[in-house]
Amino acid sequence: MSTTFNNSSVINEASYDGGSRVLTIRFKSGATYAYQDVDEAVHTGLTSAQSAGRFFAQKINGRFNATRQ
């Protein structure tokens, strides 16, 4: 499932693969990162957050192994 963030100044798009538990985030800067072993609840929280950038900073960044795509 993929979500576009039209109102975020930080995140452009996020997609989640429940089978592999990978959250892929494409940032406004153009960089794309895949975050490993992420619960679906984290993806749901990101997509429903009032501020996707703030949610990312508080709940995702530095908490999961990530690889640049």
PDB file of N, CA and C in Angstrom:
ATOM      1  N   MET A   1       0.841  -1.174   0.000  1.00  0.00           N
ATOM      2  CA  MET A   1       0.000   0.000   0.000  1.00  0.00           C
ATOM      3  C   MET A   1       0.882   1.232   0.000  1.00  0.00           C
ATOM      4  N   SER A   2       0.514   2.213  -0.790  1.00  0.00           N
ATOM      5  CA  SER A   2       1.313   3.417  -0.953  1.00  0.00           C
ATOM      6  C   SER A   2       0.469   4.650  -0.636  1.00  0.00           C
ATOM      7  N   THR A   3       1.089   5.609   0.016  1.00  0.00           N
ATOM      8  CA  THR A   3       0.405   6.840   0.394  1.00  0.00           C
ATOM      9  C   THR A   3       1.233   8.026  -0.050  1.00  0.00           C
ATOM     10  N   THR A   4       0.598   9.000  -0.686  1.00  0.00           N
ATOM     11  CA  THR A   4       1.248  10.248  -1.065  1.00  0.00           C
ATOM     12  C   THR A   4       0.909  11.305  -0.034  1.00  0.00           C
ATOM     13  N   PHE A   5       1.921  12.069   0.375  1.00  0.00           N
ATOM     14  CA  PHE A   5       1.745  13.110   1.387  1.00  0.00           C
ATOM     15  C   PHE A   5       1.800  14.478   0.712  1.00  0.00           C
ATOM     16  N   ASN A   6       0.653  14.983   0.318  1.00  0.00           N
ATOM     17  CA  ASN A   6       0.588  16.265  -0.361  1.00  0.00           C
ATOM     18  C   ASN A   6       0.859  17.442   0.574  1.00  0.00           C
ATOM     19  N   ASN A   7       0.569  17.266   1.861  1.00  0.00           N
ATOM     20  CA  ASN A   7       0.691  18.379   2.799  1.00  0.00           C
ATOM     21  C   ASN A   7       1.958  18.322   3.648  1.00  0.00           C
ATOM     22  N   SER A   8       2.859  17.392   3.373  1.00  0.00           N
ATOM     23  CA  SER A   8       4.084  17.273   4.158  1.00  0.00           C
ATOM     24  C   SER A   8       5.217  18.027   3.470  1.00  0.00           C
ATOM     25  N   SER A   9       6.006  18.730   4.253  1.00  0.00           N
ATOM     26  CA  SER A   9       7.170  19.417   3.698  1.00  0.00           C
ATOM     27  C   SER A   9       8.403  18.516   3.713  1.00  0.00           C
ATOM     28  N   VAL A  10       8.281  17.321   4.289  1.00  0.00           N
ATOM     29  CA  VAL A  10       9.419  16.416   4.448  1.00  0.00           C
ATOM     30  C   VAL A  10       9.266  15.143   3.622  1.00  0.00           C
ATOM     31  N   ILE A  11       8.089  14.531   3.677  1.00  0.00           N
ATOM     32  CA  ILE A  11       7.867  13.220   3.057  1.00  0.00           C
ATOM     33  C   ILE A  11       6.988  13.360   1.824  1.00  0.00           C
ATOM     34  N   ASN A  12       7.420  12.720   0.748  1.00  0.00           N
ATOM     35  CA  ASN A  12       6.645  12.742  -0.489  1.00  0.00           C
ATOM     36  C   ASN A  12       5.705  11.545  -0.577  1.00  0.00           C
ATOM     37  N   GLU A  13       6.244  10.351  -0.255  1.00  0.00           N
ATOM     38  CA  GLU A  13       5.446   9.130  -0.404  1.00  0.00           C
ATOM     39  C   GLU A  13       5.980   8.050   0.533  1.00  0.00           C
ATOM     40  N   ALA A  14       5.098   7.183   0.988  1.00  0.00           N
ATOM     41  CA  ALA A  14       5.484   6.035   1.806  1.00  0.00           C
ATOM     42  C   ALA A  14       4.707   4.819   1.342  1.00  0.00           C
ATOM     43  N   SER A  15       5.391   3.680   1.330  1.00  0.00           N
ATOM     44  CA  SER A  15       4.718   2.423   1.005  1.00  0.00           C
ATOM     45  C   SER A  15       5.153   1.387   2.024  1.00  0.00           C
ATOM     46  N   TYR A  16       4.266   0.428   2.261  1.00  0.00           N
ATOM     47  CA  TYR A  16       4.529  -0.598   3.264  1.00  0.00           C
ATOM     48  C   TYR A  16       4.244  -1.965   2.690  1.00  0.00           C
ATOM     49  N   ASP A  17       5.176  -2.890   2.904  1.00  0.00           N
ATOM     50  CA  ASP A  17       5.003  -4.288   2.509  1.00  0.00           C
ATOM     51  C   ASP A  17       4.880  -5.103   3.784  1.00  0.00           C
ATOM     52  N   GLY A  18       3.667  -5.536   4.086  1.00  0.00           N
ATOM     53  CA  GLY A  18       3.413  -6.278   5.316  1.00  0.00           C
ATOM     54  C   GLY A  18       4.102  -7.626   5.367  1.00  0.00           C
ATOM     55  N   GLY A  19       4.299  -8.260   4.223  1.00  0.00           N
ATOM     56  CA  GLY A  19       4.951  -9.561   4.190  1.00  0.00           C
ATOM     57  C   GLY A  19       6.404  -9.489   4.633  1.00  0.00           C
ATOM     58  N   SER A  20       7.105  -8.474   4.159  1.00  0.00           N
ATOM     59  CA  SER A  20       8.522  -8.318   4.517  1.00  0.00           C
ATOM     60  C   SER A  20       8.725  -7.308   5.643  1.00  0.00           C
ATOM     61  N   ARG A  21       7.656  -6.627   6.044  1.00  0.00           N
ATOM     62  CA  ARG A  21       7.688  -5.622   7.108  1.00  0.00           C
ATOM     63  C   ARG A  21       8.659  -4.486   6.793  1.00  0.00           C
ATOM     64  N   VAL A  22       8.647  -4.058   5.505  1.00  0.00           N
ATOM     65  CA  VAL A  22       9.524  -2.977   5.055  1.00  0.00           C
ATOM     66  C   VAL A  22       8.678  -1.743   4.752  1.00  0.00           C
ATOM     67  N   LEU A  23       9.081  -0.638   5.356  1.00  0.00           N
ATOM     68  CA  LEU A  23       8.460   0.664   5.111  1.00  0.00           C
ATOM     69  C   LEU A  23       9.423   1.462   4.251  1.00  0.00           C
ATOM     70  N   THR A  24       8.994   1.832   3.061  1.00  0.00           N
ATOM     71  CA  THR A  24       9.827   2.607   2.148  1.00  0.00           C
ATOM     72  C   THR A  24       9.294   4.027   2.108  1.00  0.00           C
ATOM     73  N   ILE A  25      10.187   4.984   2.342  1.00  0.00           N
ATOM     74  CA  ILE A  25       9.798   6.393   2.376  1.00  0.00           C
ATOM     75  C   ILE A  25      10.615   7.162   1.347  1.00  0.00           C
ATOM     76  N   ARG A  26       9.906   7.904   0.492  1.00  0.00           N
ATOM     77  CA  ARG A  26      10.557   8.803  -0.465  1.00  0.00           C
ATOM     78  C   ARG A  26      10.371  10.216   0.061  1.00  0.00           C
ATOM     79  N   PHE A  27      11.476  10.889   0.286  1.00  0.00           N
ATOM     80  CA  PHE A  27      11.454  12.224   0.870  1.00  0.00           C
ATOM     81  C   PHE A  27      11.366  13.295  -0.216  1.00  0.00           C
ATOM     82  N   LYS A  28      10.969  14.491   0.165  1.00  0.00           N
ATOM     83  CA  LYS A  28      10.875  15.614  -0.768  1.00  0.00           C
ATOM     84  C   LYS A  28      12.233  15.916  -1.389  1.00  0.00           C
ATOM     85  N   SER A  29      13.310  15.588  -0.679  1.00  0.00           N
ATOM     86  CA  SER A  29      14.665  15.812  -1.187  1.00  0.00           C
ATOM     87  C   SER A  29      14.998  14.908  -2.369  1.00  0.00           C
ATOM     88  N   GLY A  30      14.191  13.850  -2.543  1.00  0.00           N
ATOM     89  CA  GLY A  30      14.433  12.879  -3.601  1.00  0.00           C
ATOM     90  C   GLY A  30      15.031  11.585  -3.090  1.00  0.00           C
ATOM     91  N   ALA A  31      15.561  11.596  -1.874  1.00  0.00           N
ATOM     92  CA  ALA A  31      16.145  10.387  -1.284  1.00  0.00           C
ATOM     93  C   ALA A  31      15.044   9.393  -0.911  1.00  0.00           C
ATOM     94  N   THR A  32      15.342   8.108  -1.082  1.00  0.00           N
ATOM     95  CA  THR A  32      14.411   7.047  -0.717  1.00  0.00           C
ATOM     96  C   THR A  32      15.124   6.074   0.211  1.00  0.00           C
ATOM     97  N   TYR A  33      14.464   5.744   1.319  1.00  0.00           N
ATOM     98  CA  TYR A  33      15.024   4.815   2.295  1.00  0.00           C
ATOM     99  C   TYR A  33      14.028   3.705   2.576  1.00  0.00           C
ATOM    100  N   ALA A  34      14.552   2.491   2.786  1.00  0.00           N
ATOM    101  CA  ALA A  34      13.740   1.344   3.177  1.00  0.00           C
ATOM    102  C   ALA A  34      14.065   1.019   4.634  1.00  0.00           C
ATOM    103  N   TYR A  35      13.055   1.027   5.476  1.00  0.00           N
ATOM    104  CA  TYR A  35      13.193   0.759   6.908  1.00  0.00           C
ATOM    105  C   TYR A  35      12.741  -0.670   7.179  1.00  0.00           C
ATOM    106  N   GLN A  36      13.597  -1.446   7.845  1.00  0.00           N
ATOM    107  CA  GLN A  36      13.379  -2.875   8.052  1.00  0.00           C
ATOM    108  C   GLN A  36      12.650  -3.174   9.360  1.00  0.00           C
ATOM    109  N   ASP A  37      11.879  -4.262   9.342  1.00  0.00           N
ATOM    110  CA  ASP A  37      11.223  -4.811  10.537  1.00  0.00           C
ATOM    111  C   ASP A  37      10.296  -3.802  11.217  1.00  0.00           C
ATOM    112  N   VAL A  38       9.478  -3.152  10.410  1.00  0.00           N
ATOM    113  CA  VAL A  38       8.550  -2.123  10.893  1.00  0.00           C
ATOM    114  C   VAL A  38       7.154  -2.730  11.050  1.00  0.00           C
ATOM    115  N   ASP A  39       6.552  -2.529  12.197  1.00  0.00           N
ATOM    116  CA  ASP A  39       5.170  -2.983  12.417  1.00  0.00           C
ATOM    117  C   ASP A  39       4.208  -2.180  11.555  1.00  0.00           C
ATOM    118  N   GLU A  40       3.128  -2.818  11.148  1.00  0.00           N
ATOM    119  CA  GLU A  40       2.116  -2.130  10.348  1.00  0.00           C
ATOM    120  C   GLU A  40       1.541  -0.938  11.103  1.00  0.00           C
ATOM    121  N   ALA A  41       1.483  -1.026  12.428  1.00  0.00           N
ATOM    122  CA  ALA A  41       0.957   0.081  13.234  1.00  0.00           C
ATOM    123  C   ALA A  41       1.776   1.351  13.052  1.00  0.00           C
ATOM    124  N   VAL A  42       3.079   1.208  12.801  1.00  0.00           N
ATOM    125  CA  VAL A  42       3.929   2.380  12.571  1.00  0.00           C
ATOM    126  C   VAL A  42       3.546   3.027  11.243  1.00  0.00           C
ATOM    127  N   HIS A  43       3.339   2.212  10.214  1.00  0.00           N
ATOM    128  CA  HIS A  43       2.904   2.752   8.923  1.00  0.00           C
ATOM    129  C   HIS A  43       1.550   3.449   9.055  1.00  0.00           C
ATOM    130  N   THR A  44       0.641   2.818   9.771  1.00  0.00           N
ATOM    131  CA  THR A  44      -0.682   3.411   9.983  1.00  0.00           C
ATOM    132  C   THR A  44      -0.554   4.739  10.727  1.00  0.00           C
ATOM    133  N   GLY A  45       0.309   4.774  11.727  1.00  0.00           N
ATOM    134  CA  GLY A  45       0.540   6.008  12.473  1.00  0.00           C
ATOM    135  C   GLY A  45       1.096   7.109  11.592  1.00  0.00           C
ATOM    136  N   LEU A  46       2.024   6.750  10.715  1.00  0.00           N
ATOM    137  CA  LEU A  46       2.606   7.732   9.800  1.00  0.00           C
ATOM    138  C   LEU A  46       1.557   8.305   8.866  1.00  0.00           C
ATOM    139  N   THR A  47       0.745   7.431   8.286  1.00  0.00           N
ATOM    140  CA  THR A  47      -0.239   7.899   7.302  1.00  0.00           C
ATOM    141  C   THR A  47      -1.394   8.660   7.930  1.00  0.00           C
ATOM    142  N   SER A  48      -1.631   8.462   9.219  1.00  0.00           N
ATOM    143  CA  SER A  48      -2.735   9.170   9.868  1.00  0.00           C
ATOM    144  C   SER A  48      -2.269  10.339  10.738  1.00  0.00           C
ATOM    145  N   ALA A  49      -0.968  10.542  10.826  1.00  0.00           N
ATOM    146  CA  ALA A  49      -0.438  11.618  11.671  1.00  0.00           C
ATOM    147  C   ALA A  49      -0.788  12.990  11.107  1.00  0.00           C
ATOM    148  N   GLN A  50      -1.010  13.927  12.005  1.00  0.00           N
ATOM    149  CA  GLN A  50      -1.265  15.298  11.574  1.00  0.00           C
ATOM    150  C   GLN A  50      -0.017  15.892  10.931  1.00  0.00           C
ATOM    151  N   SER A  51       1.149  15.506  11.434  1.00  0.00           N
ATOM    152  CA  SER A  51       2.421  15.930  10.860  1.00  0.00           C
ATOM    153  C   SER A  51       3.267  14.686  10.586  1.00  0.00           C
ATOM    154  N   ALA A  52       3.354  14.313   9.303  1.00  0.00           N
ATOM    155  CA  ALA A  52       4.128  13.126   8.931  1.00  0.00           C
ATOM    156  C   ALA A  52       5.603  13.315   9.270  1.00  0.00           C
ATOM    157  N   GLY A  53       6.125  14.508   9.066  1.00  0.00           N
ATOM    158  CA  GLY A  53       7.524  14.783   9.372  1.00  0.00           C
ATOM    159  C   GLY A  53       7.826  14.633  10.852  1.00  0.00           C
ATOM    160  N   ARG A  54       6.950  15.124  11.688  1.00  0.00           N
ATOM    161  CA  ARG A  54       7.134  15.011  13.141  1.00  0.00           C
ATOM    162  C   ARG A  54       7.038  13.546  13.571  1.00  0.00           C
ATOM    163  N   PHE A  55       6.043  12.822  13.019  1.00  0.00           N
ATOM    164  CA  PHE A  55       5.901  11.401  13.343  1.00  0.00           C
ATOM    165  C   PHE A  55       7.162  10.646  12.938  1.00  0.00           C
ATOM    166  N   PHE A  56       7.657  10.922  11.750  1.00  0.00           N
ATOM    167  CA  PHE A  56       8.880  10.274  11.282  1.00  0.00           C
ATOM    168  C   PHE A  56      10.027  10.543  12.252  1.00  0.00           C
ATOM    169  N   ALA A  57      10.219  11.780  12.632  1.00  0.00           N
ATOM    170  CA  ALA A  57      11.325  12.151  13.526  1.00  0.00           C
ATOM    171  C   ALA A  57      11.204  11.480  14.892  1.00  0.00           C
ATOM    172  N   GLN A  58       9.999  11.348  15.395  1.00  0.00           N
ATOM    173  CA  GLN A  58       9.790  10.816  16.741  1.00  0.00           C
ATOM    174  C   GLN A  58       9.687   9.297  16.797  1.00  0.00           C
ATOM    175  N   LYS A  59       9.146   8.674  15.762  1.00  0.00           N
ATOM    176  CA  LYS A  59       8.828   7.242  15.838  1.00  0.00           C
ATOM    177  C   LYS A  59       9.592   6.337  14.868  1.00  0.00           C
ATOM    178  N   ILE A  60      10.248   6.920  13.861  1.00  0.00           N
ATOM    179  CA  ILE A  60      10.892   6.082  12.844  1.00  0.00           C
ATOM    180  C   ILE A  60      12.398   6.348  12.751  1.00  0.00           C
ATOM    181  N   ASN A  61      12.774   7.589  12.576  1.00  0.00           N
ATOM    182  CA  ASN A  61      14.180   7.938  12.365  1.00  0.00           C
ATOM    183  C   ASN A  61      15.050   7.467  13.529  1.00  0.00           C
ATOM    184  N   GLY A  62      16.073   6.664  13.208  1.00  0.00           N
ATOM    185  CA  GLY A  62      16.991   6.168  14.219  1.00  0.00           C
ATOM    186  C   GLY A  62      16.502   4.962  15.003  1.00  0.00           C
ATOM    187  N   ARG A  63      15.273   4.519  14.758  1.00  0.00           N
ATOM    188  CA  ARG A  63      14.710   3.384  15.500  1.00  0.00           C
ATOM    189  C   ARG A  63      14.723   2.082  14.703  1.00  0.00           C
ATOM    190  N   PHE A  64      14.901   2.187  13.401  1.00  0.00           N
ATOM    191  CA  PHE A  64      14.889   1.004  12.530  1.00  0.00           C
ATOM    192  C   PHE A  64      16.123   1.016  11.640  1.00  0.00           C
ATOM    193  N   ASN A  65      16.606  -0.169  11.285  1.00  0.00           N
ATOM    194  CA  ASN A  65      17.677  -0.253  10.299  1.00  0.00           C
ATOM    195  C   ASN A  65      17.142   0.249   8.966  1.00  0.00           C
ATOM    196  N   ALA A  66      17.931   1.066   8.289  1.00  0.00           N
ATOM    197  CA  ALA A  66      17.487   1.650   7.025  1.00  0.00           C
ATOM    198  C   ALA A  66      18.588   1.554   5.992  1.00  0.00           C
ATOM    199  N   THR A  67      18.156   1.372   4.749  1.00  0.00           N
ATOM    200  CA  THR A  67      19.092   1.374   3.634  1.00  0.00           C
ATOM    201  C   THR A  67      18.593   2.364   2.595  1.00  0.00           C
ATOM    202  N   ARG A  68      19.536   3.128   2.044  1.00  0.00           N
ATOM    203  CA  ARG A  68      19.167   4.073   1.000  1.00  0.00           C
ATOM    204  C   ARG A  68      18.957   3.310  -0.299  1.00  0.00           C
ATOM    205  N   GLN A  69      17.909   3.629  -0.991  1.00  0.00           N
ATOM    206  CA  GLN A  69      17.569   2.936  -2.235  1.00  0.00           C
ATOM    207  C   GLN A  69      18.129   3.661  -3.432  1.00  0.00           C
TER     208      GLN A  69
END
